[in-house]
Amino acid sequence: MKRIFIATCVGAVVAFLWGFASWELLPWHQMGTFEDDAALSQAIKENTPEHGIYMLPRRGAKGLDAQAITEGPLVYAVIRPGSLDQPWLLSNHLVRSFFIQFLSSLILATTVYKIRATRFVSRAAVGIVMGLFAGVSSTLPFWNWFELPNSRVLVHILDPFICWTLAGLCIAALLKPPGPRKIFT
């Protein structure tokens, strides 16, 4: 259990550091900006009743309006229209981010430990496959349904793939299966 905890901690730190490098140091997560933030903010506040997920064009009584989607704009957004009850603090999000990486690393470390593979490459493959699965399963639906730009698809697949490959390599190195038990010493 101690080895799983140590491997989980190391994996979480590696994943957290990768997240920092990916979002702060690499240029691949740059987002576009709007022409008139104030006007758009006002329109959102006036037309969004509560914190939630919104889509434009809206879904009608007969379902999606293909013509409205074709003419655009198409928007899929998480919107919080009002102010927060407390000031926004980066530290709160960093702590939650680390906890998410810790929980994900625990899943990865437990899986690596349970397969009891003797070869490093077999243990490391778990993180590689989980990273690829996370990237593909979380990105391609947004590309398919909400027109994630083709230029962003590869980035959004590679980011978790690289993250969990790096964390998985560290976890695999730390979770070597126990050797055979000695009965007579």
Protein backbone atom coordinates (compact mmCIF):
# COMPACT_ATOMS: atom_id res chain seq x y z
CA MET A 1 0.00 0.00 0.00
CA LYS A 2 2.88 2.35 0.81
CA ARG A 3 4.39 1.81 -2.66
CA ILE A 4 1.06 2.61 -4.33
CA PHE A 5 0.79 5.82 -2.27
CA ILE A 6 4.33 6.91 -3.16
CA ALA A 7 3.81 6.10 -6.85
CA THR A 8 0.50 7.98 -6.76
CA CYS A 9 2.15 11.05 -5.23
CA VAL A 10 4.95 11.02 -7.79
CA GLY A 11 2.49 10.52 -10.65
CA ALA A 12 0.34 13.40 -9.40
CA VAL A 13 3.34 15.73 -9.18
CA VAL A 14 4.48 14.77 -12.69
CA ALA A 15 0.95 15.26 -14.10
CA PHE A 16 0.58 18.58 -12.28
CA LEU A 17 3.93 19.84 -13.60
CA TRP A 18 3.03 18.70 -17.11
CA GLY A 19 -0.24 20.65 -16.83
CA PHE A 20 1.73 23.77 -15.91
CA ALA A 21 4.15 23.30 -18.80
CA SER A 22 1.35 22.52 -21.24
CA TRP A 23 -0.84 25.49 -20.35
CA GLU A 24 1.74 28.10 -19.34
CA LEU A 25 4.93 27.38 -21.27
CA LEU A 26 3.82 25.82 -24.56
CA PRO A 27 1.95 27.95 -27.10
CA TRP A 28 -0.60 25.32 -28.03
CA HIS A 29 -3.48 26.25 -25.67
CA GLN A 30 -3.86 29.85 -26.82
CA MET A 31 -7.48 30.92 -27.07
CA GLY A 32 -9.05 33.53 -29.30
CA THR A 33 -10.48 36.77 -27.95
CA PHE A 34 -13.69 38.62 -28.75
CA GLU A 35 -13.82 42.00 -30.45
CA ASP A 36 -15.89 43.69 -27.75
CA ASP A 37 -15.71 41.95 -24.37
CA ALA A 38 -17.94 44.51 -22.64
CA ALA A 39 -20.78 44.19 -25.16
CA LEU A 40 -20.58 40.39 -25.18
CA SER A 41 -20.45 40.26 -21.36
CA GLN A 42 -23.53 42.45 -21.15
CA ALA A 43 -25.43 40.31 -23.68
CA ILE A 44 -24.51 37.14 -21.76
CA LYS A 45 -25.62 38.62 -18.43
CA GLU A 46 -28.93 39.74 -19.94
CA ASN A 47 -29.66 36.42 -21.65
CA THR A 48 -28.29 33.79 -19.28
CA PRO A 49 -30.44 33.06 -16.21
CA GLU A 50 -27.99 30.85 -14.28
CA HIS A 51 -24.64 29.10 -14.22
CA GLY A 52 -24.75 26.24 -16.71
CA ILE A 53 -23.99 24.90 -20.18
CA TYR A 54 -25.53 26.80 -23.07
CA MET A 55 -25.75 26.29 -26.80
CA LEU A 56 -26.49 28.71 -29.61
CA PRO A 57 -28.54 28.24 -31.66
CA ARG A 58 -30.95 26.97 -29.08
CA ARG A 59 -32.74 23.67 -29.38
CA GLY A 60 -36.30 24.18 -30.60
CA ALA A 61 -39.45 22.15 -30.01
CA LYS A 62 -38.54 20.02 -33.04
CA GLY A 63 -34.93 19.54 -31.97
CA LEU A 64 -31.86 21.09 -33.53
CA ASP A 65 -32.35 23.64 -36.32
CA ALA A 66 -29.97 22.52 -39.07
CA GLN A 67 -30.34 25.77 -40.99
CA ALA A 68 -29.53 27.92 -37.94
CA ILE A 69 -26.51 25.74 -37.18
CA THR A 70 -25.37 26.02 -40.80
CA GLU A 71 -25.74 29.83 -40.82
CA GLY A 72 -23.99 30.20 -37.44
CA PRO A 73 -22.74 31.21 -35.08
CA LEU A 74 -22.44 27.92 -33.23
CA VAL A 75 -21.61 28.31 -29.55
CA TYR A 76 -21.20 25.66 -26.85
CA ALA A 77 -20.15 27.30 -23.62
CA VAL A 78 -20.02 27.00 -19.86
CA ILE A 79 -21.36 30.30 -18.58
CA ARG A 80 -21.45 31.83 -15.12
CA PRO A 81 -23.37 35.05 -15.74
CA GLY A 82 -23.04 36.66 -12.29
CA SER A 83 -20.26 37.37 -9.87
CA LEU A 84 -18.78 34.88 -7.44
CA ASP A 85 -19.67 34.92 -3.74
CA GLN A 86 -15.95 35.09 -2.91
CA PRO A 87 -12.99 36.49 -4.87
CA TRP A 88 -11.53 34.16 -7.51
CA LEU A 89 -8.23 32.71 -6.27
CA LEU A 90 -5.75 30.81 -8.42
CA SER A 91 -4.59 28.88 -5.36
CA ASN A 92 -8.03 27.26 -4.94
CA HIS A 93 -7.93 25.98 -8.51
CA LEU A 94 -4.35 24.77 -8.19
CA VAL A 95 -5.24 22.74 -5.09
CA ARG A 96 -8.26 21.21 -6.83
CA SER A 97 -6.15 20.54 -9.91
CA PHE A 98 -3.58 18.67 -7.83
CA PHE A 99 -6.34 16.65 -6.17
CA ILE A 100 -7.71 15.70 -9.61
CA GLN A 101 -4.20 14.65 -10.72
CA PHE A 102 -3.79 12.71 -7.46
CA LEU A 103 -7.07 10.84 -7.95
CA SER A 104 -6.20 10.07 -11.58
CA SER A 105 -2.72 8.90 -10.55
CA LEU A 106 -4.25 6.67 -7.89
CA ILE A 107 -6.39 4.98 -10.56
CA LEU A 108 -3.34 4.56 -12.79
CA ALA A 109 -1.08 3.32 -9.97
CA THR A 110 -3.69 0.85 -8.73
CA THR A 111 -4.14 -0.51 -12.25
CA VAL A 112 -0.38 -0.86 -12.78
CA TYR A 113 -0.04 -2.60 -9.43
CA LYS A 114 -2.94 -4.98 -10.07
CA ILE A 115 -1.64 -6.22 -13.43
CA ARG A 116 1.54 -7.46 -11.70
CA ALA A 117 3.57 -7.16 -14.92
CA THR A 118 7.23 -8.02 -14.49
CA ARG A 119 8.43 -6.05 -17.54
CA PHE A 120 8.74 -2.27 -17.24
CA VAL A 121 7.36 -1.73 -20.74
CA SER A 122 4.21 -3.68 -19.83
CA ARG A 123 3.65 -1.54 -16.72
CA ALA A 124 4.42 1.69 -18.60
CA ALA A 125 2.00 0.76 -21.39
CA VAL A 126 -0.89 1.23 -18.94
CA GLY A 127 -0.24 4.98 -18.65
CA ILE A 128 0.31 5.29 -22.40
CA VAL A 129 -2.98 3.57 -23.22
CA MET A 130 -4.91 5.45 -20.51
CA GLY A 131 -3.52 8.77 -21.78
CA LEU A 132 -4.47 7.97 -25.36
CA PHE A 133 -7.94 6.84 -24.24
CA ALA A 134 -8.44 10.05 -22.23
CA GLY A 135 -7.38 12.23 -25.16
CA VAL A 136 -9.46 10.46 -27.79
CA SER A 137 -12.60 9.91 -25.70
CA SER A 138 -12.71 13.48 -24.38
CA THR A 139 -11.71 15.30 -27.59
CA LEU A 140 -13.35 13.59 -30.53
CA PRO A 141 -16.94 14.03 -29.27
CA PHE A 142 -16.34 17.83 -29.12
CA TRP A 143 -14.85 17.72 -32.61
CA ASN A 144 -17.82 15.72 -33.86
CA TRP A 145 -20.70 17.56 -32.18
CA PHE A 146 -19.44 21.06 -31.45
CA GLU A 147 -16.99 21.61 -34.33
CA LEU A 148 -13.78 21.75 -32.32
CA PRO A 149 -11.43 23.19 -34.95
CA ASN A 150 -9.28 20.59 -36.70
CA SER A 151 -6.22 22.64 -35.74
CA ARG A 152 -7.00 22.00 -32.04
CA VAL A 153 -7.88 18.28 -32.19
CA LEU A 154 -4.32 16.99 -32.13
CA VAL A 155 -3.37 19.28 -29.23
CA HIS A 156 -6.33 18.13 -27.15
CA ILE A 157 -5.48 14.48 -27.81
CA LEU A 158 -1.74 14.90 -27.22
CA ASP A 159 -2.05 16.83 -23.96
CA PRO A 160 -3.49 13.99 -21.81
CA PHE A 161 -1.54 11.42 -23.81
CA ILE A 162 1.78 13.09 -22.92
CA CYS A 163 0.65 13.79 -19.35
CA TRP A 164 -0.28 10.20 -18.53
CA THR A 165 2.60 8.72 -20.50
CA LEU A 166 5.06 10.71 -18.34
CA ALA A 167 3.22 9.98 -15.10
CA GLY A 168 2.80 6.33 -16.14
CA LEU A 169 6.53 5.94 -16.79
CA CYS A 170 7.27 7.17 -13.26
CA ILE A 171 4.57 5.03 -11.69
CA ALA A 172 5.74 1.96 -13.63
CA ALA A 173 9.32 2.52 -12.45
CA LEU A 174 8.21 2.74 -8.82
CA LEU A 175 5.74 -0.15 -8.82
CA LYS A 176 7.95 -3.11 -9.57
CA PRO A 177 6.14 -6.32 -8.69
CA PRO A 178 7.36 -8.00 -5.54
CA GLY A 179 9.82 -10.83 -6.03
CA PRO A 180 9.06 -14.40 -5.04
CA ARG A 181 8.61 -14.93 -1.32
CA LYS A 182 11.35 -16.76 0.49
CA ILE A 183 9.92 -19.46 2.65
CA PHE A 184 13.19 -20.64 4.17
CA THR A 185 15.87 -18.14 5.02
